[in-house]
Amino acid sequence: MRKVIIRDKRKIPPFNEPARDLRVLNKPLWLHPKDTLEPYCQSEIEVDFFEQIPNGDHEETLVYRDNLFFDQAFIQTFLSRARSLGKACRVAFALDDLVMTRHALPLQSGIRREGDVYVANMWYYPRGLEEMSRPLVIDTGAYEFGSYHVPTHMSNEKGDLVFQIPLRAFLSIENWVHIFVANCLFGVLAEGARMERSLSKIGNQLRIFWRSMLERRQILSCSRLVKIGRNTQIDPTAVIQGPTVIGDNVYIGAGVV
């Protein structure tokens, strides 16, 4: 599949850099789609405008703006459904999607209402570019998460103050607030929500228990829950409990908890 990236050169204050160069989950935003789409895409093209996309070959094409943040779960769902449909599609969300309405829509214009859905700047074309594309509604899978306890007298009118964490994250980064949302709500907490959802299944519980038995470790410290990157050095006295992800080229010294 061919990947076409539309460059967004708007600079995000106060960083004075385009969104693609800002760091999300400890790496530049442009690197997230590159890693996420690696199993699907064989070629890549960058353009400044949609009209500049070459359409000589009628090949399978994915088009998106480079200020978008999306995770593996989202793109897997979108491409799977789009391919099964076999028609030109555009990412869309339901009007009552709590993740979109609470956290993704404020302070941006990339996700906007058209008719009875919200549409975003990502398209799929099975046989080259087409003039018309139909909205393909993706459910972000809102997972309610309370950040802290709020006194009753402060939340008695509209209920508890909670975050809506996506199991399939998608965000248009156009403001510094979106960097917080991408890193915390749609990044770390989304990964935790997916892990918590998976732990509710007895099969996953048994696999984690069996792995901890084989490794002779506590359940929260086994490799099923603690993912360790390449070229990482961890002192044997360090205490690490999951679910957590440790990146590449990391050193964790003695006595760290």
Protein backbone atom coordinates (compact mmCIF):
# COMPACT_ATOMS: atom_id res chain seq x y z
CA MET A 1 0.00 0.00 0.00
CA ARG A 2 1.16 3.54 -0.78
CA LYS A 3 1.28 6.10 2.04
CA VAL A 4 0.76 9.79 1.23
CA ILE A 5 1.56 12.36 3.93
CA ILE A 6 0.15 15.89 3.67
CA ARG A 7 2.53 18.25 5.46
CA ASP A 8 1.06 20.64 8.03
CA LYS A 9 3.52 23.52 8.44
CA ARG A 10 1.56 25.46 11.07
CA LYS A 11 3.71 26.08 14.14
CA ILE A 12 2.30 25.20 17.55
CA PRO A 13 2.77 27.92 20.20
CA PRO A 14 4.63 28.17 22.53
CA PHE A 15 6.96 25.54 21.00
CA ASN A 16 7.21 27.40 17.65
CA GLU A 17 7.54 24.07 15.84
CA PRO A 18 5.15 22.16 13.57
CA ALA A 19 3.22 19.35 15.23
CA ARG A 20 5.20 16.63 13.42
CA ASP A 21 8.40 17.67 15.26
CA LEU A 22 6.90 17.71 18.76
CA ARG A 23 7.54 14.71 21.00
CA VAL A 24 4.71 12.35 21.88
CA LEU A 25 5.43 9.31 24.06
CA ASN A 26 9.15 10.11 23.95
CA LYS A 27 9.58 10.28 20.17
CA PRO A 28 8.72 12.79 17.41
CA LEU A 29 5.12 12.74 16.25
CA TRP A 30 6.10 11.93 12.63
CA LEU A 31 7.70 8.69 13.80
CA HIS A 32 4.48 7.29 15.31
CA PRO A 33 2.63 6.82 11.98
CA LYS A 34 5.84 5.54 10.39
CA ASP A 35 6.15 2.78 13.01
CA THR A 36 2.42 2.09 13.16
CA LEU A 37 2.01 1.77 9.38
CA GLU A 38 5.21 -0.19 8.74
CA PRO A 39 3.36 -3.55 8.40
CA TYR A 40 0.93 -2.06 5.85
CA CYS A 41 2.82 0.42 3.63
CA GLN A 42 5.66 -0.21 1.18
CA SER A 43 6.12 3.31 -0.26
CA GLU A 44 5.82 6.88 1.01
CA ILE A 45 5.17 10.28 -0.58
CA GLU A 46 5.07 13.73 1.08
CA VAL A 47 3.11 16.64 -0.41
CA ASP A 48 2.01 20.11 0.71
CA PHE A 49 -1.54 19.93 -0.63
CA PHE A 50 -4.04 17.20 -1.47
CA GLU A 51 -4.08 18.34 -5.10
CA GLN A 52 -0.37 17.51 -5.45
CA ILE A 53 -0.89 13.78 -4.88
CA PRO A 54 0.13 11.86 -8.04
CA ASN A 55 -2.55 9.51 -9.30
CA GLY A 56 -0.85 7.72 -12.16
CA ASP A 57 -0.99 4.25 -10.66
CA HIS A 58 -4.28 2.84 -9.45
CA GLU A 59 -2.80 1.36 -6.28
CA GLU A 60 -4.07 1.05 -2.73
CA THR A 61 -3.45 4.39 -1.01
CA LEU A 62 -3.67 5.83 2.51
CA VAL A 63 -3.65 9.63 2.84
CA TYR A 64 -3.32 11.57 6.11
CA ARG A 65 -2.04 14.88 7.50
CA ASP A 66 1.19 14.75 9.48
CA ASN A 67 -0.28 16.45 12.57
CA LEU A 68 -2.40 13.38 13.36
CA PHE A 69 -1.71 11.06 16.27
CA PHE A 70 -3.22 7.57 16.08
CA ASP A 71 -2.28 4.22 17.57
CA GLN A 72 -1.95 0.67 16.29
CA ALA A 73 -5.41 -0.35 17.52
CA PHE A 74 -7.07 2.51 15.61
CA ILE A 75 -5.32 2.03 12.28
CA GLN A 76 -5.79 -1.72 12.42
CA THR A 77 -9.54 -1.28 12.88
CA PHE A 78 -9.82 1.40 10.17
CA LEU A 79 -7.83 -0.46 7.51
CA SER A 80 -9.53 -3.77 8.25
CA ARG A 81 -13.00 -2.29 7.84
CA ALA A 82 -12.03 -0.12 4.85
CA ARG A 83 -10.50 -3.06 3.00
CA SER A 84 -13.51 -5.25 3.67
CA LEU A 85 -15.74 -2.48 2.30
CA GLY A 86 -13.56 -2.13 -0.81
CA LYS A 87 -14.52 1.50 -1.44
CA ALA A 88 -12.97 4.93 -0.91
CA CYS A 89 -13.40 5.86 2.77
CA ARG A 90 -12.69 8.74 5.11
CA VAL A 91 -12.21 8.44 8.86
CA ALA A 92 -15.33 9.54 10.73
CA PHE A 93 -16.70 9.47 14.26
CA ALA A 94 -20.20 9.39 15.70
CA LEU A 95 -21.62 12.61 17.12
CA ASP A 96 -22.04 10.94 20.52
CA ASP A 97 -18.47 9.58 20.70
CA LEU A 98 -17.43 10.73 24.19
CA VAL A 99 -13.70 10.62 23.46
CA MET A 100 -14.12 13.00 20.53
CA THR A 101 -16.56 15.41 22.15
CA ARG A 102 -14.73 15.61 25.49
CA HIS A 103 -11.06 15.63 24.51
CA ALA A 104 -10.41 15.74 20.73
CA LEU A 105 -12.73 18.45 19.37
CA PRO A 106 -11.77 21.52 21.48
CA LEU A 107 -9.10 23.92 20.13
CA GLN A 108 -8.80 22.33 16.68
CA SER A 109 -10.35 22.34 13.20
CA GLY A 110 -9.02 19.11 11.67
CA ILE A 111 -11.90 17.03 13.04
CA ARG A 112 -15.14 18.74 12.04
CA ARG A 113 -18.81 17.98 11.61
CA GLU A 114 -20.21 17.09 8.21
CA GLY A 115 -23.82 15.99 8.30
CA ASP A 116 -24.44 13.50 11.08
CA VAL A 117 -20.78 12.55 11.70
CA TYR A 118 -17.40 14.10 12.51
CA VAL A 119 -14.83 13.63 9.73
CA ALA A 120 -11.03 13.81 9.93
CA ASN A 121 -8.08 14.20 7.57
CA MET A 122 -7.41 10.55 6.79
CA TRP A 123 -8.57 8.76 3.62
CA TYR A 124 -8.31 5.26 2.22
CA TYR A 125 -8.49 4.54 -1.52
CA PRO A 126 -8.46 0.90 -2.67
CA ARG A 127 -7.60 1.69 -6.32
CA GLY A 128 -5.99 5.12 -6.46
CA LEU A 129 -7.53 8.52 -5.72
CA GLU A 130 -11.25 9.08 -6.25
CA GLU A 131 -13.35 12.23 -6.18
CA MET A 132 -15.88 10.86 -3.72
CA SER A 133 -15.23 9.11 -0.42
CA ARG A 134 -17.76 7.91 2.14
CA PRO A 135 -17.37 8.41 5.90
CA LEU A 136 -16.39 5.27 7.78
CA VAL A 137 -17.38 5.63 11.43
CA ILE A 138 -14.82 4.23 13.88
CA ASP A 139 -15.75 3.69 17.52
CA THR A 140 -12.92 4.90 19.76
CA GLY A 141 -14.16 2.64 22.57
CA ALA A 142 -14.50 5.20 25.36
CA TYR A 143 -13.22 3.84 28.68
CA GLU A 144 -14.22 5.92 31.69
CA PHE A 145 -11.33 6.76 34.01
CA GLY A 146 -11.49 8.88 37.18
CA SER A 147 -8.33 10.90 37.67
CA TYR A 148 -8.84 11.76 41.34
CA HIS A 149 -11.55 12.08 43.95
CA VAL A 150 -13.51 15.30 43.76
CA PRO A 151 -15.62 16.45 46.74
CA THR A 152 -19.32 15.75 46.27
CA HIS A 153 -20.31 19.41 46.61
CA MET A 154 -18.14 20.21 43.56
CA SER A 155 -19.54 17.54 41.24
CA ASN A 156 -23.13 16.97 42.33
CA GLU A 157 -24.70 18.70 39.30
CA LYS A 158 -22.94 16.99 36.39
CA GLY A 159 -21.65 13.83 38.03
CA ASP A 160 -18.09 12.72 38.72
CA LEU A 161 -15.21 14.37 36.90
CA VAL A 162 -13.70 11.67 34.70
CA PHE A 163 -11.60 11.22 31.58
CA GLN A 164 -12.88 9.30 28.57
CA ILE A 165 -9.90 7.16 27.56
CA PRO A 166 -9.88 5.72 24.01
CA LEU A 167 -9.14 2.08 23.31
CA ARG A 168 -8.49 3.28 19.73
CA ALA A 169 -6.83 6.71 19.84
CA PHE A 170 -7.05 9.42 17.17
CA LEU A 171 -6.19 13.10 17.61
CA SER A 172 -5.47 16.17 15.47
CA ILE A 173 -2.67 18.08 17.21
CA GLU A 174 -3.13 21.82 16.69
CA ASN A 175 -2.58 23.25 20.18
CA TRP A 176 -0.21 22.69 23.09
CA VAL A 177 -3.11 21.18 25.06
CA HIS A 178 -3.25 18.35 22.51
CA ILE A 179 0.33 17.39 23.44
CA PHE A 180 -0.87 16.70 26.98
CA VAL A 181 -3.89 14.80 25.66
CA ALA A 182 -1.76 12.69 23.28
CA ASN A 183 0.88 11.84 25.88
CA CYS A 184 -1.33 11.25 28.90
CA LEU A 185 -4.95 10.47 27.98
CA PHE A 186 -4.47 8.97 24.49
CA GLY A 187 -1.02 7.54 25.23
CA VAL A 188 -0.13 6.20 28.68
CA LEU A 189 -3.68 5.93 30.03
CA ALA A 190 -4.98 4.41 26.78
CA GLU A 191 -2.33 1.69 27.00
CA GLY A 192 -3.32 1.08 30.62
CA ALA A 193 -7.00 0.91 29.67
CA ARG A 194 -6.29 -1.69 26.98
CA MET A 195 -4.23 -3.69 29.45
CA GLU A 196 -6.96 -3.50 32.10
CA ARG A 197 -9.56 -4.59 29.56
CA SER A 198 -7.41 -7.54 28.47
CA LEU A 199 -6.79 -8.62 32.08
CA SER A 200 -10.53 -9.12 32.55
CA LYS A 201 -10.31 -12.15 30.23
CA ILE A 202 -9.50 -15.44 31.96
CA GLY A 203 -7.27 -16.57 29.07
CA ASN A 204 -4.94 -13.59 29.46
CA GLN A 205 -4.87 -14.05 33.22
CA LEU A 206 -3.74 -17.66 32.82
CA ARG A 207 -1.04 -16.70 30.28
CA ILE A 208 0.34 -14.04 32.62
CA PHE A 209 0.30 -16.47 35.56
CA TRP A 210 2.07 -19.16 33.52
CA ARG A 211 4.71 -16.68 32.32
CA SER A 212 5.41 -15.56 35.90
CA MET A 213 5.81 -19.21 36.93
CA LEU A 214 8.30 -19.91 34.11
CA GLU A 215 10.34 -16.79 34.88
CA ARG A 216 10.06 -17.27 38.68
CA ARG A 217 8.97 -13.69 39.15
CA GLN A 218 6.06 -11.91 40.74
CA ILE A 219 3.06 -11.60 38.44
CA LEU A 220 3.43 -7.82 38.06
CA SER A 221 7.12 -8.19 37.16
CA CYS A 222 6.86 -10.87 34.45
CA SER A 223 7.65 -10.13 30.80
CA ARG A 224 3.95 -10.20 29.89
CA LEU A 225 3.44 -6.99 31.87
CA VAL A 226 6.90 -5.39 31.69
CA LYS A 227 8.00 -4.72 28.10
CA ILE A 228 11.73 -3.96 27.81
CA GLY A 229 13.31 -2.30 24.77
CA ARG A 230 16.60 -3.02 23.03
CA ASN A 231 20.01 -2.26 24.53
CA THR A 232 18.48 -1.67 27.96
CA GLN A 233 20.46 -2.29 31.16
CA ILE A 234 18.60 -2.93 34.42
CA ASP A 235 20.34 -3.51 37.75
CA PRO A 236 19.20 -6.78 39.41
CA THR A 237 18.23 -4.90 42.58
CA ALA A 238 15.80 -2.59 40.74
CA VAL A 239 12.11 -3.26 41.35
CA ILE A 240 9.94 -2.85 38.26
CA GLN A 241 6.25 -3.71 38.22
CA GLY A 242 3.83 -3.51 35.33
CA PRO A 243 1.99 -2.92 33.28
CA THR A 244 4.79 -0.72 31.93
CA VAL A 245 6.93 -0.19 28.84
CA ILE A 246 10.66 0.59 29.03
CA GLY A 247 12.14 2.09 25.88
CA ASP A 248 15.38 1.47 24.01
CA ASN A 249 18.85 2.42 25.30
CA VAL A 250 17.72 2.85 28.91
CA TYR A 251 19.83 2.35 32.04
CA ILE A 252 18.08 1.69 35.37
CA GLY A 253 20.44 1.72 38.34
CA ALA A 254 20.53 -0.05 41.69
CA GLY A 255 17.72 0.48 44.18
CA VAL A 256 15.28 1.99 41.69
CA VAL A 257 11.62 1.20 42.40
